[in-house]
Amino acid sequence: MAGEGEKNNGTGRGTAVITRTQTRTKKPSLYRVLILNDDYTPMDFVVHVLERFFQKDKEAATRIMLHVHHHGVGECGVYTYEIAETKVSQVMDFARENQHPLQCVMEKK
């Protein structure tokens, strides 16, 4: 006699269904790194920061800098939490070393 959940296939042995659970890894949250406009940091310094810390070419860096200048904020890139946090720290430290009040922040996308 077959046990509950088993079928007797005529051989006297029961058959069982083996299910495999598939684990899905959750994608990490992404964060936007933003530069904020101020009235004191030179435009050339902002372009330099974008080239140095965000690997932007001169044209892209200038476009982002002008967006920051005209709209008050500009996106430098989108990264995982740890990378975004590191980039914000690097920019803030570099700005302070060069005596500029440039602000760089991150926000969850």
C-alpha atoms as a PDB file:
ATOM      1  CA  MET A   1       0.000   0.000   0.000  1.00  0.00           C
ATOM      2  CA  ALA A   2       1.403   3.381  -1.000  1.00  0.00           C
ATOM      3  CA  GLY A   3       1.815   6.089   1.621  1.00  0.00           C
ATOM      4  CA  GLU A   4       0.121   9.440   1.413  1.00  0.00           C
ATOM      5  CA  GLY A   5       1.491  11.535  -1.481  1.00  0.00           C
ATOM      6  CA  GLU A   6       2.980   8.498  -3.202  1.00  0.00           C
ATOM      7  CA  LYS A   7       1.706   6.398  -6.076  1.00  0.00           C
ATOM      8  CA  ASN A   8       2.270   2.714  -6.415  1.00  0.00           C
ATOM      9  CA  ASN A   9       3.722   2.163  -9.874  1.00  0.00           C
ATOM     10  CA  GLY A  10       3.202  -1.595  -9.790  1.00  0.00           C
ATOM     11  CA  THR A  11       6.716  -2.391  -8.582  1.00  0.00           C
ATOM     12  CA  GLY A  12       5.852  -2.222  -4.944  1.00  0.00           C
ATOM     13  CA  ARG A  13       7.879   0.974  -4.645  1.00  0.00           C
ATOM     14  CA  GLY A  14       6.382   4.415  -4.370  1.00  0.00           C
ATOM     15  CA  THR A  15       7.404   7.355  -6.510  1.00  0.00           C
ATOM     16  CA  ALA A  16       7.983  10.797  -5.134  1.00  0.00           C
ATOM     17  CA  VAL A  17       8.279  14.160  -6.810  1.00  0.00           C
ATOM     18  CA  ILE A  18      11.420  16.073  -5.975  1.00  0.00           C
ATOM     19  CA  THR A  19      11.078  19.801  -6.251  1.00  0.00           C
ATOM     20  CA  ARG A  20      14.040  22.102  -6.495  1.00  0.00           C
ATOM     21  CA  THR A  21      13.704  25.577  -5.074  1.00  0.00           C
ATOM     22  CA  GLN A  22      15.506  28.254  -7.010  1.00  0.00           C
ATOM     23  CA  THR A  23      17.060  31.044  -5.040  1.00  0.00           C
ATOM     24  CA  ARG A  24      16.944  34.443  -6.671  1.00  0.00           C
ATOM     25  CA  THR A  25      19.432  37.024  -5.556  1.00  0.00           C
ATOM     26  CA  LYS A  26      17.904  40.418  -4.996  1.00  0.00           C
ATOM     27  CA  LYS A  27      19.402  43.199  -7.086  1.00  0.00           C
ATOM     28  CA  PRO A  28      21.098  45.821  -4.910  1.00  0.00           C
ATOM     29  CA  SER A  29      19.410  49.186  -4.477  1.00  0.00           C
ATOM     30  CA  LEU A  30      20.803  51.956  -6.634  1.00  0.00           C
ATOM     31  CA  TYR A  31      21.642  55.488  -5.573  1.00  0.00           C
ATOM     32  CA  ARG A  32      21.967  58.673  -7.604  1.00  0.00           C
ATOM     33  CA  VAL A  33      25.024  60.798  -6.836  1.00  0.00           C
ATOM     34  CA  LEU A  34      24.168  64.490  -7.186  1.00  0.00           C
ATOM     35  CA  ILE A  35      26.170  67.702  -7.192  1.00  0.00           C
ATOM     36  CA  LEU A  36      24.440  70.782  -5.804  1.00  0.00           C
ATOM     37  CA  ASN A  37      24.902  74.299  -7.091  1.00  0.00           C
ATOM     38  CA  ASP A  38      26.496  77.026  -5.010  1.00  0.00           C
ATOM     39  CA  ASP A  39      27.589  80.572  -5.792  1.00  0.00           C
ATOM     40  CA  TYR A  40      31.274  80.074  -4.987  1.00  0.00           C
ATOM     41  CA  THR A  41      32.707  76.874  -6.494  1.00  0.00           C
ATOM     42  CA  PRO A  42      34.299  77.636  -9.884  1.00  0.00           C
ATOM     43  CA  MET A  43      32.744  75.928 -12.891  1.00  0.00           C
ATOM     44  CA  ASP A  44      36.141  74.582 -13.951  1.00  0.00           C
ATOM     45  CA  PHE A  45      36.526  72.865 -10.579  1.00  0.00           C
ATOM     46  CA  VAL A  46      33.146  71.129 -10.986  1.00  0.00           C
ATOM     47  CA  VAL A  47      34.159  69.939 -14.467  1.00  0.00           C
ATOM     48  CA  HIS A  48      37.436  68.626 -13.016  1.00  0.00           C
ATOM     49  CA  VAL A  49      35.554  66.739 -10.254  1.00  0.00           C
ATOM     50  CA  LEU A  50      33.251  65.127 -12.831  1.00  0.00           C
ATOM     51  CA  GLU A  51      36.197  64.048 -14.966  1.00  0.00           C
ATOM     52  CA  ARG A  52      38.283  62.792 -12.050  1.00  0.00           C
ATOM     53  CA  PHE A  53      35.736  60.992  -9.870  1.00  0.00           C
ATOM     54  CA  PHE A  54      33.020  60.059 -12.371  1.00  0.00           C
ATOM     55  CA  GLN A  55      35.146  59.368 -15.479  1.00  0.00           C
ATOM     56  CA  LYS A  56      33.220  61.873 -17.597  1.00  0.00           C
ATOM     57  CA  ASP A  57      34.845  63.282 -20.709  1.00  0.00           C
ATOM     58  CA  LYS A  58      35.212  67.063 -21.017  1.00  0.00           C
ATOM     59  CA  GLU A  59      31.992  67.435 -23.019  1.00  0.00           C
ATOM     60  CA  ALA A  60      29.816  65.353 -20.652  1.00  0.00           C
ATOM     61  CA  ALA A  61      31.357  67.001 -17.579  1.00  0.00           C
ATOM     62  CA  THR A  62      30.675  70.466 -19.002  1.00  0.00           C
ATOM     63  CA  ARG A  63      27.076  69.510 -19.840  1.00  0.00           C
ATOM     64  CA  ILE A  64      26.462  68.239 -16.279  1.00  0.00           C
ATOM     65  CA  MET A  65      28.151  71.303 -14.754  1.00  0.00           C
ATOM     66  CA  LEU A  66      25.916  73.628 -16.799  1.00  0.00           C
ATOM     67  CA  HIS A  67      22.854  71.642 -15.741  1.00  0.00           C
ATOM     68  CA  VAL A  68      23.901  72.084 -12.096  1.00  0.00           C
ATOM     69  CA  HIS A  69      24.463  75.806 -12.713  1.00  0.00           C
ATOM     70  CA  HIS A  70      21.053  76.359 -14.337  1.00  0.00           C
ATOM     71  CA  HIS A  71      18.883  73.898 -12.385  1.00  0.00           C
ATOM     72  CA  GLY A  72      20.580  73.770  -8.983  1.00  0.00           C
ATOM     73  CA  VAL A  73      21.405  70.068  -9.086  1.00  0.00           C
ATOM     74  CA  GLY A  74      22.884  67.549 -11.500  1.00  0.00           C
ATOM     75  CA  GLU A  75      23.310  63.795 -11.593  1.00  0.00           C
ATOM     76  CA  CYS A  76      26.873  62.490 -11.725  1.00  0.00           C
ATOM     77  CA  GLY A  77      25.958  58.803 -11.930  1.00  0.00           C
ATOM     78  CA  VAL A  78      23.985  55.909 -10.456  1.00  0.00           C
ATOM     79  CA  TYR A  79      25.755  53.355  -8.256  1.00  0.00           C
ATOM     80  CA  THR A  80      25.266  50.758  -5.554  1.00  0.00           C
ATOM     81  CA  TYR A  81      25.210  52.123  -2.005  1.00  0.00           C
ATOM     82  CA  GLU A  82      28.866  51.514  -1.166  1.00  0.00           C
ATOM     83  CA  ILE A  83      30.189  53.004  -4.403  1.00  0.00           C
ATOM     84  CA  ALA A  84      27.875  56.027  -4.189  1.00  0.00           C
ATOM     85  CA  GLU A  85      28.916  56.628  -0.586  1.00  0.00           C
ATOM     86  CA  THR A  86      32.604  56.423  -1.533  1.00  0.00           C
ATOM     87  CA  LYS A  87      32.197  58.845  -4.433  1.00  0.00           C
ATOM     88  CA  VAL A  88      30.333  61.369  -2.269  1.00  0.00           C
ATOM     89  CA  SER A  89      33.116  61.183   0.346  1.00  0.00           C
ATOM     90  CA  GLN A  90      35.846  61.566  -2.284  1.00  0.00           C
ATOM     91  CA  VAL A  91      34.193  64.626  -3.819  1.00  0.00           C
ATOM     92  CA  MET A  92      33.495  66.256  -0.460  1.00  0.00           C
ATOM     93  CA  ASP A  93      37.054  65.655   0.772  1.00  0.00           C
ATOM     94  CA  PHE A  94      38.545  66.954  -2.486  1.00  0.00           C
ATOM     95  CA  ALA A  95      36.353  70.077  -2.377  1.00  0.00           C
ATOM     96  CA  ARG A  96      37.372  70.818   1.229  1.00  0.00           C
ATOM     97  CA  GLU A  97      41.070  70.277   0.431  1.00  0.00           C
ATOM     98  CA  ASN A  98      40.681  72.867  -2.326  1.00  0.00           C
ATOM     99  CA  GLN A  99      38.641  75.185  -0.076  1.00  0.00           C
ATOM    100  CA  HIS A 100      35.427  75.007  -2.095  1.00  0.00           C
ATOM    101  CA  PRO A 101      31.940  74.673  -0.569  1.00  0.00           C
ATOM    102  CA  LEU A 102      30.814  72.168  -3.238  1.00  0.00           C
ATOM    103  CA  GLN A 103      28.139  69.788  -1.969  1.00  0.00           C
ATOM    104  CA  CYS A 104      27.721  66.230  -3.214  1.00  0.00           C
ATOM    105  CA  VAL A 105      24.901  63.993  -1.978  1.00  0.00           C
ATOM    106  CA  MET A 106      23.298  60.657  -2.746  1.00  0.00           C
ATOM    107  CA  GLU A 107      19.660  59.651  -2.917  1.00  0.00           C
ATOM    108  CA  LYS A 108      17.947  56.320  -3.428  1.00  0.00           C
ATOM    109  CA  LYS A 109      16.769  55.867  -6.975  1.00  0.00           C
END
